[in-house]
C-alpha cells in the first residue's frame, strides 16, 4: 500500500496516488492518505476525511494544486515536536 510505504521511505513519487486516495469511498483509506500526506508535508490543506464530499473535494483540489507546485522538489518532513494541526 502506497500510504504505508511512502510514510516509511519519504518517497514523493507516491504523493499523486495518496491524493487520489483522498477521494476514496472508503473512509479508512481517506484517513490513512490524509495522515500520510500530513506526515510527509506538515500540511492538511483543510482536508478532513470525515467532511462531506463537497468540502473534501475542495481540499483535494487544493492538494492537486499543491502537488503541481511542489512536484520535483525535495520535500522535507515536518518537525515532530508539535501535535498542532494534525488531521
N, C-alpha and C. Protein backbone atom coordinates (compact mmCIF):
# COMPACT_ATOMS: atom_id res chain seq x y z
N UNK A 1 0.84 -1.17 0.00
CA UNK A 1 0.00 0.00 0.00
C UNK A 1 0.89 1.24 0.00
N UNK A 2 0.61 2.16 -0.88
CA UNK A 2 1.44 3.36 -1.05
C UNK A 2 1.50 4.20 0.21
N UNK A 3 0.40 4.32 0.93
CA UNK A 3 0.39 5.18 2.11
C UNK A 3 1.41 4.73 3.13
N UNK A 4 1.46 3.45 3.40
CA UNK A 4 2.39 2.94 4.39
C UNK A 4 3.81 3.02 3.85
N UNK A 5 4.03 2.60 2.63
CA UNK A 5 5.36 2.62 2.04
C UNK A 5 5.90 4.05 1.96
N UNK A 6 5.08 4.98 1.53
CA UNK A 6 5.52 6.36 1.39
C UNK A 6 5.89 6.94 2.75
N UNK A 7 5.10 6.66 3.77
CA UNK A 7 5.38 7.20 5.10
C UNK A 7 6.73 6.70 5.60
N UNK A 8 7.06 5.46 5.33
CA UNK A 8 8.32 4.89 5.81
C UNK A 8 9.51 5.38 5.02
N UNK A 9 9.36 5.59 3.74
CA UNK A 9 10.51 5.88 2.89
C UNK A 9 10.60 7.34 2.46
N UNK A 10 9.56 8.11 2.71
CA UNK A 10 9.51 9.51 2.29
C UNK A 10 9.67 9.65 0.77
N UNK A 11 9.12 8.71 0.03
CA UNK A 11 9.19 8.72 -1.43
C UNK A 11 8.05 9.57 -1.96
N UNK A 12 8.40 10.70 -2.55
CA UNK A 12 7.35 11.61 -3.01
C UNK A 12 6.68 11.17 -4.30
N UNK A 13 7.23 10.19 -4.98
CA UNK A 13 6.59 9.74 -6.22
C UNK A 13 5.21 9.17 -5.96
N UNK A 14 4.91 8.78 -4.74
CA UNK A 14 3.60 8.21 -4.41
C UNK A 14 2.58 9.26 -3.99
N UNK A 15 2.99 10.52 -3.91
CA UNK A 15 2.05 11.57 -3.49
C UNK A 15 0.83 11.65 -4.40
N UNK A 16 0.96 11.57 -5.72
CA UNK A 16 -0.26 11.61 -6.55
C UNK A 16 -1.25 10.49 -6.20
N UNK A 17 -0.74 9.30 -5.91
CA UNK A 17 -1.63 8.20 -5.52
C UNK A 17 -2.31 8.50 -4.18
N UNK A 18 -1.57 9.09 -3.27
CA UNK A 18 -2.16 9.46 -1.98
C UNK A 18 -3.25 10.50 -2.16
N UNK A 19 -3.02 11.46 -3.05
CA UNK A 19 -4.04 12.48 -3.32
C UNK A 19 -5.28 11.82 -3.91
N UNK A 20 -5.11 10.87 -4.80
CA UNK A 20 -6.26 10.13 -5.35
C UNK A 20 -7.01 9.40 -4.25
N UNK A 21 -6.27 8.83 -3.29
CA UNK A 21 -6.90 8.09 -2.20
C UNK A 21 -7.76 8.99 -1.31
N UNK A 22 -7.49 10.29 -1.31
CA UNK A 22 -8.31 11.21 -0.52
C UNK A 22 -9.77 11.21 -0.99
N UNK A 23 -10.01 10.76 -2.22
CA UNK A 23 -11.35 10.74 -2.81
C UNK A 23 -11.99 9.35 -2.75
N UNK A 24 -11.39 8.43 -2.00
CA UNK A 24 -11.90 7.06 -1.90
C UNK A 24 -13.27 7.02 -1.22
N UNK A 25 -14.05 6.04 -1.59
CA UNK A 25 -15.33 5.80 -0.90
C UNK A 25 -15.10 5.21 0.49
N UNK A 26 -13.92 4.67 0.71
CA UNK A 26 -13.57 4.04 1.99
C UNK A 26 -13.00 5.09 2.95
N UNK A 27 -13.71 5.42 4.02
CA UNK A 27 -13.21 6.45 4.93
C UNK A 27 -11.88 6.07 5.58
N UNK A 28 -11.63 4.79 5.76
CA UNK A 28 -10.35 4.36 6.33
C UNK A 28 -9.19 4.69 5.41
N UNK A 29 -9.36 4.46 4.11
CA UNK A 29 -8.31 4.81 3.15
C UNK A 29 -8.11 6.32 3.09
N UNK A 30 -9.22 7.07 3.15
CA UNK A 30 -9.11 8.53 3.14
C UNK A 30 -8.33 9.01 4.36
N UNK A 31 -8.60 8.41 5.51
CA UNK A 31 -7.92 8.80 6.74
C UNK A 31 -6.42 8.51 6.64
N UNK A 32 -6.06 7.32 6.17
CA UNK A 32 -4.65 6.94 6.03
C UNK A 32 -3.95 7.87 5.04
N UNK A 33 -4.59 8.15 3.91
CA UNK A 33 -3.98 9.02 2.91
C UNK A 33 -3.77 10.43 3.47
N UNK A 34 -4.77 10.96 4.14
CA UNK A 34 -4.65 12.30 4.71
C UNK A 34 -3.56 12.36 5.76
N UNK A 35 -3.50 11.36 6.61
CA UNK A 35 -2.49 11.32 7.66
C UNK A 35 -1.08 11.18 7.06
N UNK A 36 -0.94 10.35 6.05
CA UNK A 36 0.36 10.16 5.43
C UNK A 36 0.83 11.44 4.74
N UNK A 37 -0.09 12.12 4.05
CA UNK A 37 0.27 13.39 3.43
C UNK A 37 0.70 14.40 4.50
N UNK A 38 -0.02 14.43 5.60
CA UNK A 38 0.35 15.33 6.70
C UNK A 38 1.73 14.97 7.25
N UNK A 39 1.97 13.69 7.47
CA UNK A 39 3.26 13.26 8.00
C UNK A 39 4.41 13.62 7.05
N UNK A 40 4.15 13.56 5.74
CA UNK A 40 5.18 13.88 4.75
C UNK A 40 5.42 15.37 4.61
N UNK A 41 4.34 16.16 4.72
CA UNK A 41 4.43 17.57 4.35
C UNK A 41 4.18 18.55 5.49
N UNK A 42 3.51 18.09 6.54
CA UNK A 42 3.11 19.00 7.61
C UNK A 42 1.88 19.82 7.24
N UNK A 43 1.23 19.50 6.13
CA UNK A 43 0.07 20.23 5.63
C UNK A 43 -1.18 19.36 5.65
N UNK A 44 -2.32 20.00 5.89
CA UNK A 44 -3.60 19.32 5.71
C UNK A 44 -4.38 19.94 4.56
N UNK A 45 -4.09 21.21 4.28
CA UNK A 45 -4.78 21.98 3.25
C UNK A 45 -6.29 21.95 3.45
N UNK A 46 -6.70 21.80 4.70
CA UNK A 46 -8.11 21.80 5.04
C UNK A 46 -8.82 20.47 4.83
N UNK A 47 -8.06 19.43 4.48
CA UNK A 47 -8.68 18.12 4.24
C UNK A 47 -8.99 17.42 5.56
N UNK A 48 -10.22 16.93 5.65
CA UNK A 48 -10.64 16.08 6.76
C UNK A 48 -11.41 14.91 6.17
N UNK A 49 -10.96 13.71 6.45
CA UNK A 49 -11.53 12.51 5.81
C UNK A 49 -13.02 12.37 6.08
N UNK A 50 -13.51 12.93 7.18
CA UNK A 50 -14.92 12.76 7.56
C UNK A 50 -15.82 13.90 7.08
N UNK A 51 -15.25 14.90 6.41
CA UNK A 51 -16.07 16.00 5.89
C UNK A 51 -17.00 15.52 4.79
N UNK A 52 -18.08 16.26 4.54
CA UNK A 52 -18.95 15.93 3.41
C UNK A 52 -18.18 16.02 2.09
N UNK A 53 -18.69 15.34 1.10
CA UNK A 53 -17.99 15.22 -0.19
C UNK A 53 -17.54 16.58 -0.73
N UNK A 54 -18.42 17.57 -0.76
CA UNK A 54 -18.07 18.85 -1.37
C UNK A 54 -16.88 19.50 -0.68
N UNK A 55 -16.82 19.45 0.63
CA UNK A 55 -15.69 20.03 1.36
C UNK A 55 -14.41 19.23 1.10
N UNK A 56 -14.54 17.89 1.07
CA UNK A 56 -13.37 17.05 0.75
C UNK A 56 -12.87 17.38 -0.65
N UNK A 57 -13.80 17.52 -1.60
CA UNK A 57 -13.41 17.78 -2.99
C UNK A 57 -12.65 19.09 -3.10
N UNK A 58 -13.07 20.13 -2.37
CA UNK A 58 -12.36 21.41 -2.39
C UNK A 58 -10.94 21.24 -1.87
N UNK A 59 -10.79 20.47 -0.80
CA UNK A 59 -9.45 20.24 -0.24
C UNK A 59 -8.60 19.39 -1.19
N UNK A 60 -9.21 18.41 -1.84
CA UNK A 60 -8.46 17.59 -2.81
C UNK A 60 -7.97 18.47 -3.95
N UNK A 61 -8.81 19.40 -4.39
CA UNK A 61 -8.38 20.34 -5.44
C UNK A 61 -7.17 21.15 -4.97
N UNK A 62 -7.17 21.55 -3.69
CA UNK A 62 -6.01 22.28 -3.15
C UNK A 62 -4.78 21.39 -3.13
N UNK A 63 -4.94 20.10 -2.79
CA UNK A 63 -3.81 19.18 -2.82
C UNK A 63 -3.27 19.01 -4.23
N UNK A 64 -4.15 18.96 -5.22
CA UNK A 64 -3.69 18.81 -6.61
C UNK A 64 -2.88 20.03 -7.04
N UNK A 65 -3.30 21.23 -6.64
CA UNK A 65 -2.54 22.44 -6.94
C UNK A 65 -1.21 22.41 -6.18
N UNK A 66 -1.26 22.00 -4.92
CA UNK A 66 -0.04 21.91 -4.12
C UNK A 66 0.97 21.00 -4.80
N UNK A 67 0.51 19.83 -5.25
CA UNK A 67 1.43 18.89 -5.89
C UNK A 67 1.98 19.47 -7.19
N UNK A 68 1.16 20.15 -7.95
CA UNK A 68 1.62 20.78 -9.17
C UNK A 68 2.73 21.79 -8.88
N UNK A 69 2.60 22.51 -7.77
CA UNK A 69 3.60 23.50 -7.38
C UNK A 69 4.87 22.87 -6.78
N UNK A 70 4.76 21.67 -6.20
CA UNK A 70 5.88 21.06 -5.47
C UNK A 70 6.52 19.87 -6.19
N UNK A 71 5.94 19.43 -7.26
CA UNK A 71 6.46 18.27 -7.99
C UNK A 71 7.91 18.53 -8.37
N UNK A 72 8.76 17.56 -8.11
CA UNK A 72 10.16 17.66 -8.46
C UNK A 72 11.02 18.32 -7.40
N UNK A 73 10.39 18.85 -6.36
CA UNK A 73 11.15 19.47 -5.27
C UNK A 73 11.40 18.45 -4.17
N UNK A 74 12.42 18.69 -3.39
CA UNK A 74 12.64 17.88 -2.20
C UNK A 74 11.66 18.33 -1.14
N UNK A 75 10.98 17.39 -0.55
CA UNK A 75 10.01 17.69 0.49
C UNK A 75 10.60 17.22 1.81
N UNK A 76 10.87 18.16 2.67
CA UNK A 76 11.42 17.83 3.98
C UNK A 76 10.30 17.49 4.94
N UNK A 77 10.45 16.40 5.69
CA UNK A 77 9.41 16.07 6.66
C UNK A 77 9.33 17.17 7.72
N UNK A 78 8.12 17.44 8.21
CA UNK A 78 7.97 18.47 9.23
C UNK A 78 8.59 18.05 10.55
N UNK A 79 8.85 19.01 11.39
CA UNK A 79 9.33 18.75 12.74
C UNK A 79 8.28 17.98 13.51
N UNK A 80 8.68 17.02 14.29
CA UNK A 80 7.75 16.19 15.06
C UNK A 80 7.53 16.73 16.48
N UNK A 81 7.97 17.95 16.76
CA UNK A 81 7.91 18.45 18.13
C UNK A 81 6.57 19.02 18.55
N UNK A 82 5.63 19.22 17.61
CA UNK A 82 4.31 19.71 18.00
C UNK A 82 3.25 18.80 17.42
N UNK A 83 2.12 18.76 18.08
CA UNK A 83 1.00 17.98 17.58
C UNK A 83 -0.08 18.86 17.00
N UNK A 84 0.15 20.15 16.94
CA UNK A 84 -0.85 21.10 16.45
C UNK A 84 -1.13 20.87 14.98
N UNK A 85 -2.40 20.97 14.62
CA UNK A 85 -2.80 20.92 13.22
C UNK A 85 -2.93 19.54 12.63
N UNK A 86 -2.76 18.50 13.43
CA UNK A 86 -2.87 17.16 12.87
C UNK A 86 -4.27 16.92 12.37
N UNK A 87 -4.37 16.16 11.27
CA UNK A 87 -5.70 15.87 10.71
C UNK A 87 -6.51 14.96 11.61
